[in-house]
Amino acid sequence: MTTSTLHTVSKSPFQSNLLADCLNVAQASQSIVLLEDGVYGVLASSPTNEKLAEFINAGGHVFALDIDLAARGISTQYDKITPLDYNRFVELCTQHNPIQSWY
């Protein structure tokens, strides 16, 4: 287990500031998982597009739950955003401490 924080964001950046708030505090050594409507953050039209790109370019890791991407008919706009299934999500949760949920 690492002492690196895993952030989870479940609200759309089009309807909430949660992803922006998360990106304001997340450090490049940490990871973010987008799930539920949070996966809209992968869109190039997202209001957090620039901040998300900066986080990724600084070395931050961003994941998006594949089932939520598929349910919304979207795919990631960045090669560096990794789709993940539930098994990998659980694995990430066991590898990080603490887990910060943004909801």
PDB file of N, CA and C in Angstrom:
ATOM      1  N   MET A   1       0.846  -1.178   0.000  1.00  0.00           N
ATOM      2  CA  MET A   1       0.000   0.000   0.000  1.00  0.00           C
ATOM      3  C   MET A   1       0.889   1.238   0.000  1.00  0.00           C
ATOM      4  N   THR A   2       0.472   2.232  -0.750  1.00  0.00           N
ATOM      5  CA  THR A   2       1.204   3.493  -0.769  1.00  0.00           C
ATOM      6  C   THR A   2       0.505   4.492   0.155  1.00  0.00           C
ATOM      7  N   THR A   3       1.202   5.548   0.460  1.00  0.00           N
ATOM      8  CA  THR A   3       0.594   6.615   1.253  1.00  0.00           C
ATOM      9  C   THR A   3       0.091   7.724   0.342  1.00  0.00           C
ATOM     10  N   SER A   4       0.015   7.433  -0.942  1.00  0.00           N
ATOM     11  CA  SER A   4      -0.472   8.396  -1.922  1.00  0.00           C
ATOM     12  C   SER A   4      -2.001   8.381  -1.947  1.00  0.00           C
ATOM     13  N   THR A   5      -2.578   9.554  -2.054  1.00  0.00           N
ATOM     14  CA  THR A   5      -4.035   9.688  -2.048  1.00  0.00           C
ATOM     15  C   THR A   5      -4.638   9.268  -3.383  1.00  0.00           C
ATOM     16  N   LEU A   6      -5.760   8.575  -3.298  1.00  0.00           N
ATOM     17  CA  LEU A   6      -6.583   8.264  -4.461  1.00  0.00           C
ATOM     18  C   LEU A   6      -7.841   9.113  -4.336  1.00  0.00           C
ATOM     19  N   HIS A   7      -8.058   9.982  -5.309  1.00  0.00           N
ATOM     20  CA  HIS A   7      -9.244  10.839  -5.339  1.00  0.00           C
ATOM     21  C   HIS A   7     -10.287  10.196  -6.246  1.00  0.00           C
ATOM     22  N   THR A   8     -11.541  10.188  -5.820  1.00  0.00           N
ATOM     23  CA  THR A   8     -12.628   9.713  -6.678  1.00  0.00           C
ATOM     24  C   THR A   8     -13.622  10.854  -6.872  1.00  0.00           C
ATOM     25  N   VAL A   9     -13.993  11.090  -8.134  1.00  0.00           N
ATOM     26  CA  VAL A   9     -14.913  12.174  -8.465  1.00  0.00           C
ATOM     27  C   VAL A   9     -16.090  11.580  -9.225  1.00  0.00           C
ATOM     28  N   SER A  10     -17.298  11.811  -8.703  1.00  0.00           N
ATOM     29  CA  SER A  10     -18.475  11.180  -9.302  1.00  0.00           C
ATOM     30  C   SER A  10     -19.471  12.166  -9.904  1.00  0.00           C
ATOM     31  N   LYS A  11     -19.196  13.456  -9.843  1.00  0.00           N
ATOM     32  CA  LYS A  11     -20.129  14.459 -10.375  1.00  0.00           C
ATOM     33  C   LYS A  11     -19.581  15.070 -11.659  1.00  0.00           C
ATOM     34  N   SER A  12     -20.458  15.405 -12.571  1.00  0.00           N
ATOM     35  CA  SER A  12     -20.090  16.010 -13.841  1.00  0.00           C
ATOM     36  C   SER A  12     -19.467  17.396 -13.626  1.00  0.00           C
ATOM     37  N   PRO A  13     -18.358  17.689 -14.317  1.00  0.00           N
ATOM     38  CA  PRO A  13     -17.775  19.025 -14.212  1.00  0.00           C
ATOM     39  C   PRO A  13     -18.634  20.095 -14.890  1.00  0.00           C
ATOM     40  N   PHE A  14     -19.656  19.668 -15.616  1.00  0.00           N
ATOM     41  CA  PHE A  14     -20.588  20.612 -16.232  1.00  0.00           C
ATOM     42  C   PHE A  14     -21.655  21.074 -15.237  1.00  0.00           C
ATOM     43  N   GLN A  15     -21.801  20.339 -14.122  1.00  0.00           N
ATOM     44  CA  GLN A  15     -22.836  20.660 -13.139  1.00  0.00           C
ATOM     45  C   GLN A  15     -22.296  20.893 -11.738  1.00  0.00           C
ATOM     46  N   SER A  16     -20.996  20.701 -11.552  1.00  0.00           N
ATOM     47  CA  SER A  16     -20.406  20.783 -10.223  1.00  0.00           C
ATOM     48  C   SER A  16     -18.950  21.241 -10.337  1.00  0.00           C
ATOM     49  N   ASN A  17     -18.444  21.832  -9.284  1.00  0.00           N
ATOM     50  CA  ASN A  17     -17.039  22.252  -9.238  1.00  0.00           C
ATOM     51  C   ASN A  17     -16.143  21.199  -8.589  1.00  0.00           C
ATOM     52  N   LEU A  18     -16.666  20.019  -8.320  1.00  0.00           N
ATOM     53  CA  LEU A  18     -15.899  19.024  -7.579  1.00  0.00           C
ATOM     54  C   LEU A  18     -14.609  18.611  -8.276  1.00  0.00           C
ATOM     55  N   LEU A  19     -14.635  18.389  -9.584  1.00  0.00           N
ATOM     56  CA  LEU A  19     -13.408  18.002 -10.275  1.00  0.00           C
ATOM     57  C   LEU A  19     -12.411  19.146 -10.249  1.00  0.00           C
ATOM     58  N   ALA A  20     -12.872  20.365 -10.443  1.00  0.00           N
ATOM     59  CA  ALA A  20     -11.984  21.535 -10.371  1.00  0.00           C
ATOM     60  C   ALA A  20     -11.381  21.652  -8.974  1.00  0.00           C
ATOM     61  N   ASP A  21     -12.205  21.472  -7.936  1.00  0.00           N
ATOM     62  CA  ASP A  21     -11.713  21.538  -6.564  1.00  0.00           C
ATOM     63  C   ASP A  21     -10.678  20.440  -6.303  1.00  0.00           C
ATOM     64  N   CYS A  22     -10.967  19.253  -6.792  1.00  0.00           N
ATOM     65  CA  CYS A  22     -10.040  18.129  -6.649  1.00  0.00           C
ATOM     66  C   CYS A  22      -8.705  18.454  -7.316  1.00  0.00           C
ATOM     67  N   LEU A  23      -8.765  18.968  -8.535  1.00  0.00           N
ATOM     68  CA  LEU A  23      -7.544  19.290  -9.268  1.00  0.00           C
ATOM     69  C   LEU A  23      -6.752  20.416  -8.614  1.00  0.00           C
ATOM     70  N   ASN A  24      -7.432  21.270  -7.859  1.00  0.00           N
ATOM     71  CA  ASN A  24      -6.742  22.347  -7.147  1.00  0.00           C
ATOM     72  C   ASN A  24      -5.896  21.832  -5.987  1.00  0.00           C
ATOM     73  N   VAL A  25      -6.268  20.685  -5.422  1.00  0.00           N
ATOM     74  CA  VAL A  25      -5.529  20.166  -4.269  1.00  0.00           C
ATOM     75  C   VAL A  25      -4.715  18.908  -4.582  1.00  0.00           C
ATOM     76  N   ALA A  26      -5.066  18.195  -5.640  1.00  0.00           N
ATOM     77  CA  ALA A  26      -4.357  16.950  -5.972  1.00  0.00           C
ATOM     78  C   ALA A  26      -2.920  17.244  -6.374  1.00  0.00           C
ATOM     79  N   GLN A  27      -2.026  16.411  -5.890  1.00  0.00           N
ATOM     80  CA  GLN A  27      -0.616  16.527  -6.232  1.00  0.00           C
ATOM     81  C   GLN A  27      -0.287  15.531  -7.333  1.00  0.00           C
ATOM     82  N   ALA A  28       0.757  15.831  -8.092  1.00  0.00           N
ATOM     83  CA  ALA A  28       1.121  14.995  -9.244  1.00  0.00           C
ATOM     84  C   ALA A  28       1.453  13.562  -8.851  1.00  0.00           C
ATOM     85  N   SER A  29       1.785  13.318  -7.601  1.00  0.00           N
ATOM     86  CA  SER A  29       2.087  11.957  -7.153  1.00  0.00           C
ATOM     87  C   SER A  29       0.823  11.162  -6.826  1.00  0.00           C
ATOM     88  N   GLN A  30      -0.333  11.798  -6.959  1.00  0.00           N
ATOM     89  CA  GLN A  30      -1.594  11.172  -6.599  1.00  0.00           C
ATOM     90  C   GLN A  30      -2.363  10.729  -7.840  1.00  0.00           C
ATOM     91  N   SER A  31      -3.458  10.020  -7.606  1.00  0.00           N
ATOM     92  CA  SER A  31      -4.288   9.506  -8.703  1.00  0.00           C
ATOM     93  C   SER A  31      -5.723   9.972  -8.533  1.00  0.00           C
ATOM     94  N   ILE A  32      -6.397  10.114  -9.681  1.00  0.00           N
ATOM     95  CA  ILE A  32      -7.809  10.488  -9.700  1.00  0.00           C
ATOM     96  C   ILE A  32      -8.569   9.437 -10.498  1.00  0.00           C
ATOM     97  N   VAL A  33      -9.699   8.985  -9.950  1.00  0.00           N
ATOM     98  CA  VAL A  33     -10.593   8.080 -10.667  1.00  0.00           C
ATOM     99  C   VAL A  33     -11.897   8.818 -10.910  1.00  0.00           C
ATOM    100  N   LEU A  34     -12.291   8.902 -12.172  1.00  0.00           N
ATOM    101  CA  LEU A  34     -13.558   9.503 -12.557  1.00  0.00           C
ATOM    102  C   LEU A  34     -14.579   8.390 -12.693  1.00  0.00           C
ATOM    103  N   LEU A  35     -15.711   8.533 -12.014  1.00  0.00           N
ATOM    104  CA  LEU A  35     -16.749   7.518 -12.097  1.00  0.00           C
ATOM    105  C   LEU A  35     -18.110   8.186 -12.147  1.00  0.00           C
ATOM    106  N   GLU A  36     -19.114   7.411 -12.462  1.00  0.00           N
ATOM    107  CA  GLU A  36     -20.471   7.909 -12.659  1.00  0.00           C
ATOM    108  C   GLU A  36     -20.411   9.111 -13.613  1.00  0.00           C
ATOM    109  N   ASP A  37     -21.084  10.219 -13.297  1.00  0.00           N
ATOM    110  CA  ASP A  37     -21.069  11.378 -14.195  1.00  0.00           C
ATOM    111  C   ASP A  37     -19.731  12.114 -14.193  1.00  0.00           C
ATOM    112  N   GLY A  38     -18.844  11.764 -13.291  1.00  0.00           N
ATOM    113  CA  GLY A  38     -17.507  12.347 -13.279  1.00  0.00           C
ATOM    114  C   GLY A  38     -16.720  12.045 -14.540  1.00  0.00           C
ATOM    115  N   VAL A  39     -17.101  10.970 -15.263  1.00  0.00           N
ATOM    116  CA  VAL A  39     -16.378  10.625 -16.491  1.00  0.00           C
ATOM    117  C   VAL A  39     -16.546  11.681 -17.576  1.00  0.00           C
ATOM    118  N   TYR A  40     -17.523  12.570 -17.428  1.00  0.00           N
ATOM    119  CA  TYR A  40     -17.640  13.661 -18.396  1.00  0.00           C
ATOM    120  C   TYR A  40     -16.411  14.576 -18.359  1.00  0.00           C
ATOM    121  N   GLY A  41     -15.620  14.451 -17.331  1.00  0.00           N
ATOM    122  CA  GLY A  41     -14.387  15.222 -17.230  1.00  0.00           C
ATOM    123  C   GLY A  41     -13.369  14.871 -18.292  1.00  0.00           C
ATOM    124  N   VAL A  42     -13.513  13.738 -18.963  1.00  0.00           N
ATOM    125  CA  VAL A  42     -12.562  13.347 -20.011  1.00  0.00           C
ATOM    126  C   VAL A  42     -12.827  14.077 -21.331  1.00  0.00           C
ATOM    127  N   LEU A  43     -13.971  14.722 -21.448  1.00  0.00           N
ATOM    128  CA  LEU A  43     -14.317  15.391 -22.702  1.00  0.00           C
ATOM    129  C   LEU A  43     -13.481  16.655 -22.910  1.00  0.00           C
ATOM    130  N   ALA A  44     -13.102  16.886 -24.144  1.00  0.00           N
ATOM    131  CA  ALA A  44     -12.338  18.096 -24.481  1.00  0.00           C
ATOM    132  C   ALA A  44     -13.138  19.357 -24.173  1.00  0.00           C
ATOM    133  N   SER A  45     -14.463  19.278 -24.189  1.00  0.00           N
ATOM    134  CA  SER A  45     -15.312  20.438 -23.911  1.00  0.00           C
ATOM    135  C   SER A  45     -15.540  20.664 -22.415  1.00  0.00           C
ATOM    136  N   SER A  46     -14.975  19.824 -21.581  1.00  0.00           N
ATOM    137  CA  SER A  46     -15.153  19.944 -20.134  1.00  0.00           C
ATOM    138  C   SER A  46     -14.561  21.257 -19.629  1.00  0.00           C
ATOM    139  N   PRO A  47     -15.239  21.916 -18.671  1.00  0.00           N
ATOM    140  CA  PRO A  47     -14.696  23.154 -18.115  1.00  0.00           C
ATOM    141  C   PRO A  47     -13.385  22.952 -17.356  1.00  0.00           C
ATOM    142  N   THR A  48     -13.053  21.714 -17.049  1.00  0.00           N
ATOM    143  CA  THR A  48     -11.801  21.410 -16.339  1.00  0.00           C
ATOM    144  C   THR A  48     -10.734  20.861 -17.275  1.00  0.00           C
ATOM    145  N   ASN A  49     -10.978  20.947 -18.570  1.00  0.00           N
ATOM    146  CA  ASN A  49     -10.078  20.374 -19.568  1.00  0.00           C
ATOM    147  C   ASN A  49      -8.629  20.821 -19.376  1.00  0.00           C
ATOM    148  N   GLU A  50      -8.405  22.120 -19.225  1.00  0.00           N
ATOM    149  CA  GLU A  50      -7.048  22.640 -19.107  1.00  0.00           C
ATOM    150  C   GLU A  50      -6.378  22.184 -17.812  1.00  0.00           C
ATOM    151  N   LYS A  51      -7.104  22.241 -16.703  1.00  0.00           N
ATOM    152  CA  LYS A  51      -6.542  21.814 -15.418  1.00  0.00           C
ATOM    153  C   LYS A  51      -6.234  20.314 -15.420  1.00  0.00           C
ATOM    154  N   LEU A  52      -7.105  19.534 -16.042  1.00  0.00           N
ATOM    155  CA  LEU A  52      -6.881  18.098 -16.110  1.00  0.00           C
ATOM    156  C   LEU A  52      -5.627  17.802 -16.930  1.00  0.00           C
ATOM    157  N   ALA A  53      -5.460  18.484 -18.052  1.00  0.00           N
ATOM    158  CA  ALA A  53      -4.269  18.301 -18.880  1.00  0.00           C
ATOM    159  C   ALA A  53      -3.007  18.689 -18.112  1.00  0.00           C
ATOM    160  N   GLU A  54      -3.060  19.774 -17.350  1.00  0.00           N
ATOM    161  CA  GLU A  54      -1.908  20.193 -16.539  1.00  0.00           C
ATOM    162  C   GLU A  54      -1.560  19.138 -15.499  1.00  0.00           C
ATOM    163  N   PHE A  55      -2.575  18.573 -14.847  1.00  0.00           N
ATOM    164  CA  PHE A  55      -2.357  17.535 -13.837  1.00  0.00           C
ATOM    165  C   PHE A  55      -1.682  16.316 -14.464  1.00  0.00           C
ATOM    166  N   ILE A  56      -2.175  15.908 -15.619  1.00  0.00           N
ATOM    167  CA  ILE A  56      -1.607  14.752 -16.319  1.00  0.00           C
ATOM    168  C   ILE A  56      -0.172  15.055 -16.758  1.00  0.00           C
ATOM    169  N   ASN A  57       0.052  16.224 -17.324  1.00  0.00           N
ATOM    170  CA  ASN A  57       1.392  16.586 -17.800  1.00  0.00           C
ATOM    171  C   ASN A  57       2.398  16.723 -16.666  1.00  0.00           C
ATOM    172  N   ALA A  58       1.909  17.002 -15.451  1.00  0.00           N
ATOM    173  CA  ALA A  58       2.784  17.090 -14.281  1.00  0.00           C
ATOM    174  C   ALA A  58       3.103  15.715 -13.703  1.00  0.00           C
ATOM    175  N   GLY A  59       2.486  14.662 -14.276  1.00  0.00           N
ATOM    176  CA  GLY A  59       2.754  13.306 -13.815  1.00  0.00           C
ATOM    177  C   GLY A  59       1.629  12.659 -13.036  1.00  0.00           C
ATOM    178  N   GLY A  60       0.498  13.357 -12.909  1.00  0.00           N
ATOM    179  CA  GLY A  60      -0.649  12.785 -12.212  1.00  0.00           C
ATOM    180  C   GLY A  60      -1.278  11.654 -13.019  1.00  0.00           C
ATOM    181  N   HIS A  61      -1.879  10.733 -12.329  1.00  0.00           N
ATOM    182  CA  HIS A  61      -2.525   9.589 -12.976  1.00  0.00           C
ATOM    183  C   HIS A  61      -4.036   9.761 -12.916  1.00  0.00           C
ATOM    184  N   VAL A  62      -4.697   9.618 -14.076  1.00  0.00           N
ATOM    185  CA  VAL A  62      -6.151   9.770 -14.150  1.00  0.00           C
ATOM    186  C   VAL A  62      -6.736   8.518 -14.778  1.00  0.00           C
ATOM    187  N   PHE A  63      -7.753   8.003 -14.123  1.00  0.00           N
ATOM    188  CA  PHE A  63      -8.460   6.805 -14.577  1.00  0.00           C
ATOM    189  C   PHE A  63      -9.937   7.151 -14.732  1.00  0.00           C
ATOM    190  N   ALA A  64     -10.639   6.416 -15.580  1.00  0.00           N
ATOM    191  CA  ALA A  64     -12.081   6.567 -15.739  1.00  0.00           C
ATOM    192  C   ALA A  64     -12.701   5.178 -15.798  1.00  0.00           C
ATOM    193  N   LEU A  65     -13.761   4.981 -15.049  1.00  0.00           N
ATOM    194  CA  LEU A  65     -14.418   3.677 -15.004  1.00  0.00           C
ATOM    195  C   LEU A  65     -15.026   3.360 -16.366  1.00  0.00           C
ATOM    196  N   ASP A  66     -14.594   2.258 -16.959  1.00  0.00           N
ATOM    197  CA  ASP A  66     -14.993   1.922 -18.327  1.00  0.00           C
ATOM    198  C   ASP A  66     -16.496   1.732 -18.499  1.00  0.00           C
ATOM    199  N   ILE A  67     -17.147   1.154 -17.514  1.00  0.00           N
ATOM    200  CA  ILE A  67     -18.585   0.919 -17.621  1.00  0.00           C
ATOM    201  C   ILE A  67     -19.354   2.244 -17.630  1.00  0.00           C
ATOM    202  N   ASP A  68     -18.852   3.251 -16.904  1.00  0.00           N
ATOM    203  CA  ASP A  68     -19.498   4.558 -16.895  1.00  0.00           C
ATOM    204  C   ASP A  68     -19.240   5.306 -18.201  1.00  0.00           C
ATOM    205  N   LEU A  69     -18.049   5.148 -18.764  1.00  0.00           N
ATOM    206  CA  LEU A  69     -17.773   5.725 -20.080  1.00  0.00           C
ATOM    207  C   LEU A  69     -18.725   5.136 -21.121  1.00  0.00           C
ATOM    208  N   ALA A  70     -18.854   3.808 -21.112  1.00  0.00           N
ATOM    209  CA  ALA A  70     -19.713   3.124 -22.084  1.00  0.00           C
ATOM    210  C   ALA A  70     -21.177   3.511 -21.902  1.00  0.00           C
ATOM    211  N   ALA A  71     -21.632   3.621 -20.660  1.00  0.00           N
ATOM    212  CA  ALA A  71     -23.027   3.960 -20.386  1.00  0.00           C
ATOM    213  C   ALA A  71     -23.386   5.345 -20.910  1.00  0.00           C
ATOM    214  N   ARG A  72     -22.374   6.217 -21.004  1.00  0.00           N
ATOM    215  CA  ARG A  72     -22.618   7.582 -21.468  1.00  0.00           C
ATOM    216  C   ARG A  72     -22.189   7.794 -22.920  1.00  0.00           C
ATOM    217  N   GLY A  73     -21.734   6.722 -23.550  1.00  0.00           N
ATOM    218  CA  GLY A  73     -21.374   6.778 -24.962  1.00  0.00           C
ATOM    219  C   GLY A  73     -20.183   7.671 -25.252  1.00  0.00           C
ATOM    220  N   ILE A  74     -19.256   7.746 -24.317  1.00  0.00           N
ATOM    221  CA  ILE A  74     -18.081   8.592 -24.529  1.00  0.00           C
ATOM    222  C   ILE A  74     -16.802   7.775 -24.401  1.00  0.00           C
ATOM    223  N   SER A  75     -15.766   8.307 -25.009  1.00  0.00           N
ATOM    224  CA  SER A  75     -14.441   7.711 -24.853  1.00  0.00           C
ATOM    225  C   SER A  75     -13.495   8.815 -24.404  1.00  0.00           C
ATOM    226  N   THR A  76     -12.377   8.446 -23.853  1.00  0.00           N
ATOM    227  CA  THR A  76     -11.464   9.448 -23.326  1.00  0.00           C
ATOM    228  C   THR A  76     -10.885  10.291 -24.448  1.00  0.00           C
ATOM    229  N   GLN A  77     -10.627  11.531 -24.155  1.00  0.00           N
ATOM    230  CA  GLN A  77     -10.055  12.466 -25.105  1.00  0.00           C
ATOM    231  C   GLN A  77      -8.531  12.549 -24.958  1.00  0.00           C
ATOM    232  N   TYR A  78      -7.992  11.883 -23.966  1.00  0.00           N
ATOM    233  CA  TYR A  78      -6.557  11.895 -23.707  1.00  0.00           C
ATOM    234  C   TYR A  78      -6.030  10.474 -23.722  1.00  0.00           C
ATOM    235  N   ASP A  79      -4.906  10.277 -24.354  1.00  0.00           N
ATOM    236  CA  ASP A  79      -4.283   8.952 -24.332  1.00  0.00           C
ATOM    237  C   ASP A  79      -3.825   8.579 -22.928  1.00  0.00           C
ATOM    238  N   LYS A  80      -3.570   9.578 -22.100  1.00  0.00           N
ATOM    239  CA  LYS A  80      -3.024   9.332 -20.775  1.00  0.00           C
ATOM    240  C   LYS A  80      -4.087   9.074 -19.713  1.00  0.00           C
ATOM    241  N   ILE A  81      -5.371   9.096 -20.074  1.00  0.00           N
ATOM    242  CA  ILE A  81      -6.428   8.708 -19.145  1.00  0.00           C
ATOM    243  C   ILE A  81      -6.703   7.233 -19.375  1.00  0.00           C
ATOM    244  N   THR A  82      -6.593   6.476 -18.316  1.00  0.00           N
ATOM    245  CA  THR A  82      -6.696   5.023 -18.425  1.00  0.00           C
ATOM    246  C   THR A  82      -8.085   4.536 -18.038  1.00  0.00           C
ATOM    247  N   PRO A  83      -8.815   3.925 -18.969  1.00  0.00           N
ATOM    248  CA  PRO A  83     -10.079   3.287 -18.586  1.00  0.00           C
ATOM    249  C   PRO A  83      -9.781   2.087 -17.678  1.00  0.00           C
ATOM    250  N   LEU A  84     -10.641   1.856 -16.698  1.00  0.00           N
ATOM    251  CA  LEU A  84     -10.432   0.706 -15.829  1.00  0.00           C
ATOM    252  C   LEU A  84     -11.750   0.044 -15.506  1.00  0.00           C
ATOM    253  N   ASP A  85     -11.663  -1.255 -15.226  1.00  0.00           N
ATOM    254  CA  ASP A  85     -12.854  -2.009 -14.842  1.00  0.00           C
ATOM    255  C   ASP A  85     -12.951  -2.029 -13.311  1.00  0.00           C
ATOM    256  N   TYR A  86     -14.024  -2.631 -12.795  1.00  0.00           N
ATOM    257  CA  TYR A  86     -14.238  -2.661 -11.345  1.00  0.00           C
ATOM    258  C   TYR A  86     -13.098  -3.369 -10.610  1.00  0.00           C
ATOM    259  N   ASN A  87     -12.576  -4.450 -11.189  1.00  0.00           N
ATOM    260  CA  ASN A  87     -11.495  -5.175 -10.518  1.00  0.00           C
ATOM    261  C   ASN A  87     -10.271  -4.290 -10.336  1.00  0.00           C
ATOM    262  N   ARG A  88      -9.913  -3.552 -11.376  1.00  0.00           N
ATOM    263  CA  ARG A  88      -8.747  -2.651 -11.287  1.00  0.00           C
ATOM    264  C   ARG A  88      -9.036  -1.492 -10.332  1.00  0.00           C
ATOM    265  N   PHE A  89     -10.284  -1.026 -10.303  1.00  0.00           N
ATOM    266  CA  PHE A  89     -10.672   0.027  -9.370  1.00  0.00           C
ATOM    267  C   PHE A  89     -10.484  -0.429  -7.929  1.00  0.00           C
ATOM    268  N   VAL A  90     -10.936  -1.627  -7.622  1.00  0.00           N
ATOM    269  CA  VAL A  90     -10.766  -2.176  -6.270  1.00  0.00           C
ATOM    270  C   VAL A  90      -9.280  -2.324  -5.949  1.00  0.00           C
ATOM    271  N   GLU A  91      -8.512  -2.773  -6.923  1.00  0.00           N
ATOM    272  CA  GLU A  91      -7.070  -2.907  -6.739  1.00  0.00           C
ATOM    273  C   GLU A  91      -6.429  -1.550  -6.408  1.00  0.00           C
ATOM    274  N   LEU A  92      -6.812  -0.515  -7.138  1.00  0.00           N
ATOM    275  CA  LEU A  92      -6.292   0.832  -6.847  1.00  0.00           C
ATOM    276  C   LEU A  92      -6.655   1.267  -5.433  1.00  0.00           C
ATOM    277  N   CYS A  93      -7.877   0.962  -5.019  1.00  0.00           N
ATOM    278  CA  CYS A  93      -8.324   1.334  -3.673  1.00  0.00           C
ATOM    279  C   CYS A  93      -7.488   0.645  -2.593  1.00  0.00           C
ATOM    280  N   THR A  94      -7.090  -0.576  -2.851  1.00  0.00           N
ATOM    281  CA  THR A  94      -6.281  -1.287  -1.856  1.00  0.00           C
ATOM    282  C   THR A  94      -4.823  -0.842  -1.880  1.00  0.00           C
ATOM    283  N   GLN A  95      -4.406  -0.189  -2.960  1.00  0.00           N
ATOM    284  CA  GLN A  95      -3.024   0.263  -3.089  1.00  0.00           C
ATOM    285  C   GLN A  95      -2.806   1.683  -2.589  1.00  0.00           C
ATOM    286  N   HIS A  96      -3.866   2.419  -2.334  1.00  0.00           N
ATOM    287  CA  HIS A  96      -3.748   3.814  -1.917  1.00  0.00           C
ATOM    288  C   HIS A  96      -4.335   4.037  -0.529  1.00  0.00           C
ATOM    289  N   ASN A  97      -3.743   4.994   0.142  1.00  0.00           N
ATOM    290  CA  ASN A  97      -4.237   5.394   1.452  1.00  0.00           C
ATOM    291  C   ASN A  97      -3.798   6.828   1.682  1.00  0.00           C
ATOM    292  N   PRO A  98      -4.701   7.733   1.887  1.00  0.00           N
ATOM    293  CA  PRO A  98      -6.146   7.585   2.019  1.00  0.00           C
ATOM    294  C   PRO A  98      -6.868   7.642   0.680  1.00  0.00           C
ATOM    295  N   ILE A  99      -8.176   7.418   0.733  1.00  0.00           N
ATOM    296  CA  ILE A  99      -9.041   7.605  -0.437  1.00  0.00           C
ATOM    297  C   ILE A  99      -9.927   8.812  -0.130  1.00  0.00           C
ATOM    298  N   GLN A 100      -9.874   9.800  -1.012  1.00  0.00           N
ATOM    299  CA  GLN A 100     -10.664  11.025  -0.858  1.00  0.00           C
ATOM    300  C   GLN A 100     -11.794  11.017  -1.882  1.00  0.00           C
ATOM    301  N   SER A 101     -13.025  10.916  -1.410  1.00  0.00           N
ATOM    302  CA  SER A 101     -14.182  10.931  -2.300  1.00  0.00           C
ATOM    303  C   SER A 101     -14.716  12.341  -2.416  1.00  0.00           C
ATOM    304  N   TRP A 102     -14.889  12.789  -3.652  1.00  0.00           N
ATOM    305  CA  TRP A 102     -15.459  14.095  -3.935  1.00  0.00           C
ATOM    306  C   TRP A 102     -16.886  13.872  -4.424  1.00  0.00           C
ATOM    307  N   TYR A 103     -17.864  14.202  -3.603  1.00  0.00           N
ATOM    308  CA  TYR A 103     -19.264  13.984  -3.955  1.00  0.00           C
ATOM    309  C   TYR A 103     -20.156  15.054  -3.378  1.00  0.00           C
TER     310      TYR A 103
END
